[in-house]
Protein backbone atom coordinates (compact mmCIF):
# COMPACT_ATOMS: atom_id res chain seq x y z
CA MET A 1 10.74 -18.48 2.94
CA ASP A 2 8.78 -19.65 -0.11
CA VAL A 3 8.84 -17.78 -3.42
CA THR A 4 5.44 -16.13 -2.93
CA SER A 5 6.53 -14.84 0.48
CA MET A 6 9.73 -13.47 -1.02
CA VAL A 7 7.79 -11.61 -3.71
CA ASN A 8 5.29 -10.21 -1.22
CA THR A 9 8.06 -9.18 1.16
CA LEU A 10 9.82 -7.37 -1.66
CA TRP A 11 6.58 -5.58 -2.56
CA VAL A 12 6.02 -4.39 1.02
CA LEU A 13 9.62 -3.17 1.23
CA VAL A 14 9.30 -1.27 -2.06
CA ALA A 15 6.07 0.32 -0.85
CA THR A 16 7.79 1.25 2.42
CA VAL A 17 10.63 2.98 0.57
CA PHE A 18 8.05 4.91 -1.48
CA MET A 19 6.43 6.06 1.74
CA ILE A 20 9.67 7.48 3.14
CA LEU A 21 9.31 10.36 0.67
CA MET A 22 6.04 11.29 2.34
CA VAL A 23 7.98 12.60 5.34
CA PRO A 24 9.85 15.40 3.49
CA GLY A 25 6.74 15.79 1.34
CA LEU A 26 4.57 16.61 4.36
CA ALA A 27 7.33 18.81 5.80
CA LEU A 28 7.53 20.84 2.59
CA TYR A 29 3.75 21.00 2.22
CA TYR A 30 3.25 22.28 5.75
CA GLY A 31 6.36 24.45 5.57
CA GLY A 32 5.24 26.08 2.34
CA LEU A 33 1.79 26.83 3.77
CA SER A 34 3.34 28.48 6.81
CA ARG A 35 4.33 32.11 7.01
CA THR A 36 7.98 32.75 6.12
CA LYS A 37 8.87 33.34 9.76
CA ASN A 38 7.64 29.84 10.70
CA VAL A 39 8.65 27.68 7.70
CA LEU A 40 11.42 25.80 9.48
CA ASN A 41 9.38 25.31 12.63
CA SER A 42 6.67 23.63 10.56
CA VAL A 43 9.32 21.42 8.95
CA MET A 44 10.72 20.58 12.38
CA ILE A 45 7.40 19.64 13.96
CA VAL A 46 6.82 17.18 11.12
CA LEU A 47 10.31 15.67 11.39
CA GLY A 48 10.27 15.67 15.19
CA GLY A 49 6.78 14.24 15.52
CA PHE A 50 7.46 11.53 12.96
CA SER A 51 10.74 10.49 14.58
CA VAL A 52 9.41 10.39 18.14
CA ALA A 53 6.51 8.24 16.99
CA ALA A 54 8.86 5.93 15.11
CA VAL A 55 11.08 5.41 18.16
CA ILE A 56 8.10 4.57 20.38
CA PHE A 57 6.74 2.25 17.69
CA VAL A 58 9.97 0.24 17.74
CA LEU A 59 9.93 0.02 21.53
CA VAL A 60 6.27 -0.93 22.11
CA GLY A 61 4.08 0.12 19.19
CA TYR A 62 4.39 -2.98 17.03
CA GLY A 63 3.02 -5.14 19.81
CA LEU A 64 0.31 -2.67 20.80
CA ILE A 65 -0.93 -2.65 17.19
CA LEU A 66 -0.40 -6.20 15.96
CA GLY A 67 -0.02 -8.20 19.16
CA ASP A 68 -2.73 -10.61 20.29
CA SER A 69 -5.56 -8.55 21.79
CA LEU A 70 -5.32 -8.22 25.57
CA GLY A 71 -8.07 -10.26 27.18
CA GLY A 72 -9.57 -10.95 23.77
CA LEU A 73 -11.39 -7.62 23.96
CA GLY A 74 -10.08 -6.20 20.70
CA LEU A 75 -9.03 -2.94 22.36
CA LEU A 76 -5.23 -3.13 22.54
CA GLY A 77 -2.51 -5.52 21.44
CA ASP A 78 -0.28 -7.31 23.92
CA PRO A 79 3.30 -5.99 23.60
CA SER A 80 4.83 -8.33 26.19
CA ASP A 81 6.48 -10.73 23.73
CA LEU A 82 7.02 -8.11 21.03
CA LEU A 83 9.02 -5.44 22.88
CA GLY A 84 11.51 -3.91 20.51
CA ILE A 85 10.05 -6.12 17.72
CA ARG A 86 12.77 -8.58 18.69
CA SER A 87 10.66 -11.72 18.66
CA VAL A 88 9.82 -11.40 14.94
CA ILE A 89 13.45 -11.09 13.84
CA GLY A 90 14.60 -14.38 12.39
CA GLY A 91 11.22 -15.97 12.99
CA ALA A 92 9.32 -18.16 10.57
CA VAL A 93 7.36 -16.52 7.77
CA ALA A 94 3.96 -18.05 7.07
CA GLU A 95 3.66 -19.41 3.55
CA GLY A 96 2.50 -16.81 1.04
CA THR A 97 2.75 -13.85 3.43
CA ALA A 98 5.17 -10.96 3.68
CA SER A 99 7.85 -11.07 6.37
CA PRO A 100 6.69 -9.62 9.72
CA VAL A 101 9.88 -7.55 9.71
CA ALA A 102 8.81 -5.85 6.47
CA THR A 103 5.33 -5.35 7.91
CA ALA A 104 6.88 -3.72 10.97
CA ALA A 105 8.77 -1.21 8.80
CA PHE A 106 5.58 -0.45 6.88
CA HIS A 107 3.56 0.19 10.05
CA LEU A 108 6.34 2.32 11.52
CA LEU A 109 5.78 4.78 8.69
CA PHE A 110 2.01 4.71 9.24
CA ALA A 111 2.48 5.62 12.91
CA GLY A 112 4.99 8.36 12.19
CA LEU A 113 2.98 9.93 9.38
CA ALA A 114 -0.27 9.88 11.35
CA THR A 115 1.46 11.77 14.15
CA ALA A 116 3.03 14.26 11.75
CA ILE A 117 -0.36 15.01 10.17
CA VAL A 118 -1.61 16.32 13.53
CA ALA A 119 1.12 18.98 13.40
CA GLY A 120 -0.88 20.83 10.76
CA ALA A 121 -3.02 22.36 13.50
CA VAL A 122 -0.27 24.16 15.41
CA GLU A 123 1.62 26.47 13.02
CA GLY A 124 3.27 29.51 14.52
CA ARG A 125 2.20 29.26 18.14
CA MET A 126 3.03 25.95 19.86
CA SER A 127 6.15 25.34 21.91
CA PHE A 128 8.39 22.82 20.15
CA LEU A 129 9.03 20.91 23.38
CA ALA A 130 5.31 20.79 24.13
CA TRP A 131 4.66 19.44 20.64
CA ILE A 132 7.24 16.67 21.05
CA LEU A 133 5.69 15.62 24.37
CA PHE A 134 2.19 15.70 22.90
CA ALA A 135 3.32 13.66 19.88
CA ALA A 136 4.88 11.01 22.12
CA LEU A 137 1.74 10.74 24.24
CA TRP A 138 -0.65 10.82 21.31
CA VAL A 139 0.98 8.09 19.26
CA THR A 140 0.96 5.85 22.34
CA VAL A 141 -2.56 6.52 23.62
CA GLY A 142 -4.26 7.83 20.49
CA TYR A 143 -2.79 6.06 17.49
CA PHE A 144 -1.64 2.62 18.65
CA PRO A 145 -5.02 1.53 20.12
CA VAL A 146 -6.96 2.70 17.07
CA ALA A 147 -4.49 1.03 14.72
CA HIS A 148 -5.06 -2.21 16.64
CA TRP A 149 -8.83 -1.83 16.27
CA VAL A 150 -8.50 -1.42 12.50
CA PHE A 151 -5.36 -3.23 11.32
CA ALA A 152 -5.12 -6.30 13.61
CA PHE A 153 -6.94 -9.20 11.99
CA THR A 154 -8.00 -12.27 13.93
CA SER A 155 -6.24 -15.33 12.51
CA ALA A 156 -8.30 -17.77 10.48
CA ASP A 157 -7.73 -20.52 13.01
CA GLY A 158 -8.66 -18.26 15.94
CA GLY A 159 -5.17 -18.56 17.39
CA THR A 160 -4.81 -14.80 17.71
CA VAL A 161 -7.48 -12.19 18.40
CA GLY A 162 -7.41 -8.81 16.69
CA GLY A 163 -9.15 -5.45 16.92
CA TRP A 164 -12.87 -5.00 17.47
CA ILE A 165 -13.60 -2.60 14.58
CA VAL A 166 -12.19 -4.78 11.82
CA ASN A 167 -13.18 -8.16 13.25
CA ARG A 168 -16.45 -7.53 15.06
CA LEU A 169 -17.97 -4.62 13.19
CA GLY A 170 -16.64 -5.74 9.81
CA VAL A 171 -15.35 -2.28 8.86
CA HIS A 172 -13.19 -1.98 5.74
CA ASP A 173 -10.40 0.55 6.18
CA PHE A 174 -7.89 -0.57 3.61
CA ALA A 175 -5.06 1.92 4.16
CA GLY A 176 -6.11 4.12 7.04
CA GLY A 177 -8.91 6.46 6.05
CA ILE A 178 -10.22 5.86 9.57
CA ALA A 179 -7.13 4.75 11.50
CA VAL A 180 -4.82 7.44 10.09
CA HIS A 181 -6.74 10.36 8.57
CA THR A 182 -9.89 10.43 10.70
CA ASN A 183 -7.81 9.71 13.79
CA ALA A 184 -5.18 12.38 13.11
CA GLY A 185 -7.73 14.95 11.91
CA ALA A 186 -9.83 14.60 15.06
CA ALA A 187 -6.68 14.97 17.17
CA ALA A 188 -5.71 18.09 15.23
CA LEU A 189 -9.13 19.61 15.92
CA ALA A 190 -8.85 18.98 19.66
CA LEU A 191 -5.30 20.35 19.80
CA ALA A 192 -6.26 23.47 17.83
CA ILE A 193 -9.13 24.19 20.23
CA VAL A 194 -6.96 23.88 23.36
CA LEU A 195 -4.07 25.76 21.78
CA GLY A 196 -6.19 28.72 20.73
CA ARG A 197 -6.04 30.97 17.70
CA ARG A 198 -3.00 32.61 16.13
CA GLN A 199 -2.50 36.34 16.35
CA GLY A 200 -4.50 37.99 13.58
CA PHE A 201 -6.86 35.05 13.04
CA PRO A 202 -8.78 34.59 10.73
CA ALA A 203 -6.21 36.29 8.46
CA PRO A 204 -2.86 35.75 10.20
CA GLY A 205 -0.71 35.90 7.04
CA ARG A 206 0.01 34.40 3.63
CA PRO A 207 1.64 31.06 2.77
CA GLY A 208 5.38 31.60 2.64
CA ASN A 209 6.29 29.48 -0.38
CA VAL A 210 3.69 28.06 -2.76
CA PRO A 211 6.24 26.09 -4.85
CA TYR A 212 7.15 24.24 -1.63
CA VAL A 213 3.46 23.44 -1.21
CA VAL A 214 3.22 22.01 -4.73
CA LEU A 215 6.47 20.02 -4.45
CA GLY A 216 5.50 18.67 -1.03
CA ALA A 217 2.06 17.61 -2.23
CA TRP A 218 3.45 15.71 -5.22
CA LEU A 219 6.01 13.96 -3.03
CA LEU A 220 3.11 12.97 -0.79
CA ALA A 221 1.23 11.68 -3.83
CA PHE A 222 4.26 9.64 -4.90
CA GLY A 223 4.59 8.06 -1.47
CA TRP A 224 0.82 7.55 -1.32
CA MET A 225 1.11 4.91 -4.04
CA GLY A 226 3.10 2.83 -1.57
CA PHE A 227 0.84 3.86 1.30
CA ASN A 228 -2.23 2.49 -0.45
CA ALA A 229 -0.93 -0.32 -2.66
CA GLY A 230 1.45 -1.64 -0.02
CA SER A 231 -1.49 -2.17 2.31
CA THR A 232 -2.39 -5.32 0.40
CA GLY A 233 0.69 -6.98 1.88
CA ALA A 234 0.92 -8.87 -1.39
CA LEU A 235 1.74 -8.25 -5.04
CA ASN A 236 -1.65 -8.92 -6.59
CA ASP A 237 -4.49 -7.36 -8.56
CA PHE A 238 -5.73 -5.47 -5.50
CA ALA A 239 -2.35 -3.70 -5.30
CA ALA A 240 -2.47 -2.74 -8.98
CA LEU A 241 -6.03 -1.50 -8.61
CA ALA A 242 -5.07 0.53 -5.54
CA ILE A 243 -2.47 2.45 -7.54
CA LEU A 244 -4.85 3.05 -10.46
CA ASN A 245 -7.62 4.18 -8.12
CA SER A 246 -5.26 6.43 -6.15
CA LEU A 247 -4.15 8.17 -9.34
CA ALA A 248 -7.74 8.51 -10.52
CA ALA A 249 -8.93 9.97 -7.22
CA ALA A 250 -5.96 12.34 -6.91
CA THR A 251 -6.44 13.85 -10.35
CA ALA A 252 -10.22 14.02 -9.98
CA GLY A 253 -9.70 15.83 -6.69
CA LEU A 254 -7.36 18.33 -8.29
CA VAL A 255 -9.76 19.05 -11.16
CA ALA A 256 -12.74 19.31 -8.83
CA TRP A 257 -10.96 21.85 -6.60
CA LEU A 258 -9.94 23.95 -9.62
CA ILE A 259 -13.54 24.11 -10.85
CA ILE A 260 -15.06 24.85 -7.43
CA GLU A 261 -12.45 27.49 -6.62
CA HIS A 262 -12.90 29.18 -9.98
CA VAL A 263 -16.66 29.32 -9.57
CA HIS A 264 -16.47 30.45 -5.95
CA ARG A 265 -13.50 32.83 -6.05
CA GLY A 266 -13.04 33.63 -9.72
CA ALA A 267 -9.54 32.14 -9.79
CA SER A 268 -7.85 28.76 -9.57
CA THR A 269 -4.72 28.60 -7.40
CA ALA A 270 -1.73 26.26 -7.34
CA ALA A 271 -1.98 25.73 -3.57
CA GLY A 272 -5.66 24.96 -3.96
CA ALA A 273 -5.06 22.52 -6.80
CA VAL A 274 -2.73 20.32 -4.78
CA THR A 275 -4.97 20.61 -1.73
CA GLY A 276 -7.73 19.12 -3.86
CA LEU A 277 -5.34 16.39 -4.96
CA LEU A 278 -4.66 15.49 -1.32
CA GLY A 279 -8.36 15.60 -0.45
CA GLY A 280 -9.01 13.10 -3.23
CA LEU A 281 -6.23 10.82 -2.00
CA VAL A 282 -7.49 10.89 1.58
CA ALA A 283 -11.03 10.04 0.48
CA VAL A 284 -9.97 7.07 -1.67
CA THR A 285 -7.59 5.62 0.92
CA PRO A 286 -10.12 3.49 2.86
CA GLY A 287 -11.33 1.73 -0.28
CA ALA A 288 -8.62 2.03 -2.95
CA ASP A 289 -8.58 -1.76 -3.30
CA ILE A 290 -12.30 -2.36 -3.84
CA LEU A 291 -13.52 0.62 -5.86
CA SER A 292 -13.78 0.69 -9.64
CA PRO A 293 -11.70 3.39 -11.35
CA VAL A 294 -14.89 5.33 -12.12
CA GLY A 295 -15.89 4.98 -8.48
CA ALA A 296 -12.47 6.31 -7.51
CA LEU A 297 -13.01 9.34 -9.74
CA ALA A 298 -16.28 10.05 -7.94
CA VAL A 299 -14.78 9.55 -4.49
CA GLY A 300 -11.78 11.76 -5.33
CA ALA A 301 -13.94 14.59 -6.66
CA ILE A 302 -16.32 14.43 -3.69
CA GLY A 303 -13.36 14.25 -1.29
CA ALA A 304 -11.92 17.45 -2.74
CA ALA A 305 -15.32 19.16 -2.68
CA VAL A 306 -15.92 18.41 0.99
CA ALA A 307 -12.34 19.44 1.77
CA TYR A 308 -12.99 22.79 0.09
CA VAL A 309 -16.05 23.34 2.25
CA ALA A 310 -14.34 22.07 5.41
CA VAL A 311 -11.32 24.35 5.02
CA GLY A 312 -13.70 27.32 5.23
CA LEU A 313 -15.41 26.05 8.38
CA LYS A 314 -12.53 27.05 10.66
CA THR A 315 -13.34 30.72 10.06
CA ARG A 316 -17.05 30.17 10.60
CA PHE A 317 -16.62 28.17 13.81
CA GLY A 318 -13.54 29.94 15.13
CA TYR A 319 -11.05 27.07 15.55
CA ASP A 320 -7.60 27.75 14.10
CA ASP A 321 -6.61 24.63 12.18
CA ALA A 322 -3.68 26.50 10.73
CA LEU A 323 -2.60 24.19 7.89
CA ASP A 324 -5.93 22.40 7.39
CA ALA A 325 -5.32 19.01 8.97
CA VAL A 326 -9.03 18.92 9.84
CA GLY A 327 -10.26 20.07 6.45
CA VAL A 328 -7.97 17.88 4.35
CA HIS A 329 -7.72 14.75 6.52
CA LEU A 330 -10.63 14.42 8.97
CA VAL A 331 -13.52 15.36 6.70
CA PRO A 332 -12.48 13.61 3.45
CA GLY A 333 -11.46 10.57 5.53
CA LEU A 334 -14.95 10.36 7.00
CA VAL A 335 -16.69 10.93 3.68
CA GLY A 336 -14.49 8.44 1.82
CA SER A 337 -15.17 5.75 4.41
CA ALA A 338 -18.92 6.27 4.07
CA LEU A 339 -18.87 6.37 0.25
CA LEU A 340 -17.08 3.04 0.20
CA ALA A 341 -20.23 1.36 1.50
CA LEU A 342 -22.09 2.71 -1.53
CA LEU A 343 -19.49 2.19 -4.26
CA ALA A 344 -17.44 -0.91 -3.41
CA ASP A 345 -17.38 -2.95 -6.62
CA PRO A 346 -17.63 -6.76 -6.51
CA ALA A 347 -15.56 -6.87 -9.72
CA ALA A 348 -12.55 -5.38 -7.92
CA GLY A 349 -9.44 -7.48 -7.54
CA ALA A 350 -10.21 -9.58 -10.62
CA GLY A 351 -13.61 -10.38 -9.15
CA ALA A 352 -12.13 -11.43 -5.81
CA ASN A 353 -14.02 -8.81 -3.78
CA THR A 354 -16.86 -10.91 -2.45
CA GLU A 355 -16.95 -9.65 1.15
CA PHE A 356 -17.40 -5.89 0.72
CA VAL A 357 -20.09 -4.99 -1.81
CA GLY A 358 -21.48 -1.49 -2.12
CA ILE A 359 -25.17 -0.72 -1.84
CA LEU A 360 -25.26 0.43 -5.49
CA TYR A 361 -24.10 -3.04 -6.49
CA GLY A 362 -26.71 -4.84 -4.38
CA GLY A 363 -24.81 -4.84 -1.09
CA GLU A 364 -26.34 -4.68 2.36
CA TRP A 365 -27.12 -1.45 4.25
CA SER A 366 -25.40 -3.03 7.26
CA PHE A 367 -22.09 -2.30 5.51
CA LEU A 368 -22.83 1.44 5.68
CA GLY A 369 -23.90 1.10 9.30
CA ALA A 370 -20.64 -0.61 10.19
CA GLN A 371 -18.58 2.04 8.40
CA LEU A 372 -20.44 4.87 10.15
CA LEU A 373 -20.15 3.28 13.57
CA GLY A 374 -16.45 2.57 13.14
CA MET A 375 -15.52 6.04 11.97
CA ILE A 376 -17.65 7.80 14.60
CA ALA A 377 -16.09 5.67 17.34
CA VAL A 378 -12.58 6.56 16.18
CA ALA A 379 -13.33 10.26 15.72
CA LEU A 380 -14.87 10.57 19.20
CA TYR A 381 -12.13 8.52 20.87
CA SER A 382 -9.35 10.49 19.20
CA PHE A 383 -10.95 13.86 19.91
CA VAL A 384 -11.53 13.17 23.61
CA VAL A 385 -8.14 11.56 24.21
CA SER A 386 -6.34 14.34 22.33
CA LEU A 387 -8.23 17.02 24.22
CA LEU A 388 -7.19 15.46 27.53
CA LEU A 389 -3.58 15.05 26.40
CA ALA A 390 -3.43 18.67 25.23
CA LEU A 391 -4.77 19.87 28.58
CA LEU A 392 -2.22 17.69 30.38
CA VAL A 393 0.70 19.05 28.36
CA LYS A 394 -0.64 22.58 28.86
CA LYS A 395 -0.60 22.06 32.61
CA VAL A 396 2.84 20.43 32.71
CA LEU A 397 4.79 22.50 30.16
CA GLY A 398 2.45 25.08 28.71
CA LEU A 399 1.41 24.83 25.06
CA ARG A 400 1.96 28.25 23.53
CA VAL A 401 5.06 30.28 22.97
CA PRO A 402 5.10 33.81 24.47
CA ALA A 403 3.24 36.46 22.49
CA GLN A 404 6.43 38.23 21.41
CA VAL A 405 7.94 34.97 20.14
CA GLU A 406 4.80 34.38 18.10
CA THR A 407 5.07 37.90 16.67
CA ASP A 408 8.76 37.54 15.80
CA GLY A 409 8.36 34.06 14.37
CA LEU A 410 9.40 30.66 15.70
CA ASP A 411 12.25 30.04 13.26
CA ARG A 412 14.56 32.73 14.62
CA THR A 413 13.45 32.51 18.24
CA LEU A 414 13.15 28.75 18.83
CA HIS A 415 15.46 27.29 16.19
CA LYS A 416 17.94 30.16 15.72
CA GLU A 417 17.80 29.96 11.92
CA SER A 418 15.84 31.36 9.01
CA ALA A 419 14.56 29.70 5.85
CA PHE A 420 14.89 32.83 3.73
CA VAL A 421 17.84 35.03 4.61
CA GLY A 422 17.11 38.67 3.94
CA ARG A 423 13.45 38.18 3.05
CA GLU A 424 10.66 40.10 4.70
CA GLN A 425 9.06 38.08 7.52
CA TRP A 426 5.33 38.03 6.69
């Protein structure tokens, strides 16, 4: 392994370790938003969904995402020589690139986190066993194909063929605004529709622990630096810019939410502030490497604003996206991907961004068309597949817990434990 490859491998591994904190971060964020009687169940669906997805990734997912496209169609990677990721262990590392083993660890976290995000739709009413089965099916049929479409690049010499969205459409989805957030958010919407509303919707109860929400969100933000900057696969100016842009978008999102909430409701809340922060991070994710810092501020603020509006849509349209996976991930992911086609700066990456230039900098409108087509294709695919998977699990196992279990809370009934001993169960 040459020196550049060693440095890039180290960078990917550091980014991967950062991302590990996103798992407890998401668990605490969802757990804190849940009612006190369901805090631990929300933690468990995150941990369980992440872990099931990670196991399946090791068995077949690496090949399905990064293997040579079956039939050259760009629809799904070939896992036949990559089962268990065994063939990349001890293999040669191309000069100047990160080790495939490090890349595998990085993508394992992407797969697990995307699956865990979907869990935000199901608080307080889904059978734990049904969720685990859905998560296993969704990561295999919903996430892995889309990740291949977006993350599998055709080699320069044409020796391997990658996914159709990145290679044929020319979509730029740097760290998963489409493959992760749009994909998971559309799945959450489908699952919420099939699962049905919670008792008492649209006002089923208050968040159980706002400090958990804040702590979880900031752990997510910490891990997000690795999530975005590690997607370069190299320690370079694009990686540095990705961290700067992620910080800019996150803080702009937080400030934007505070202002909007104060104007709309007459108060600014802690839970709202960090929700705006996450909306900004989701929106900047597809283009954190090729936006200017000022562009990132705009994208983060707009991402939080659309998240604020989207969170309120579940009441208007009657779908119970309990912990706002749709509002915080699907909608800002879509908007951020579209804004990228307007704001991508040719000066990004020390002037190395020559391929993706925003319309405001003299770029082509075809860039926006490609972004729109790619994100619509993923959103529709994920929604339809997730709807069918939810109906299948409903038929095989049933999706919902009994009404009395829902009333009593899932922590005591399903997991035989309570997060807050002696506290009133809201």
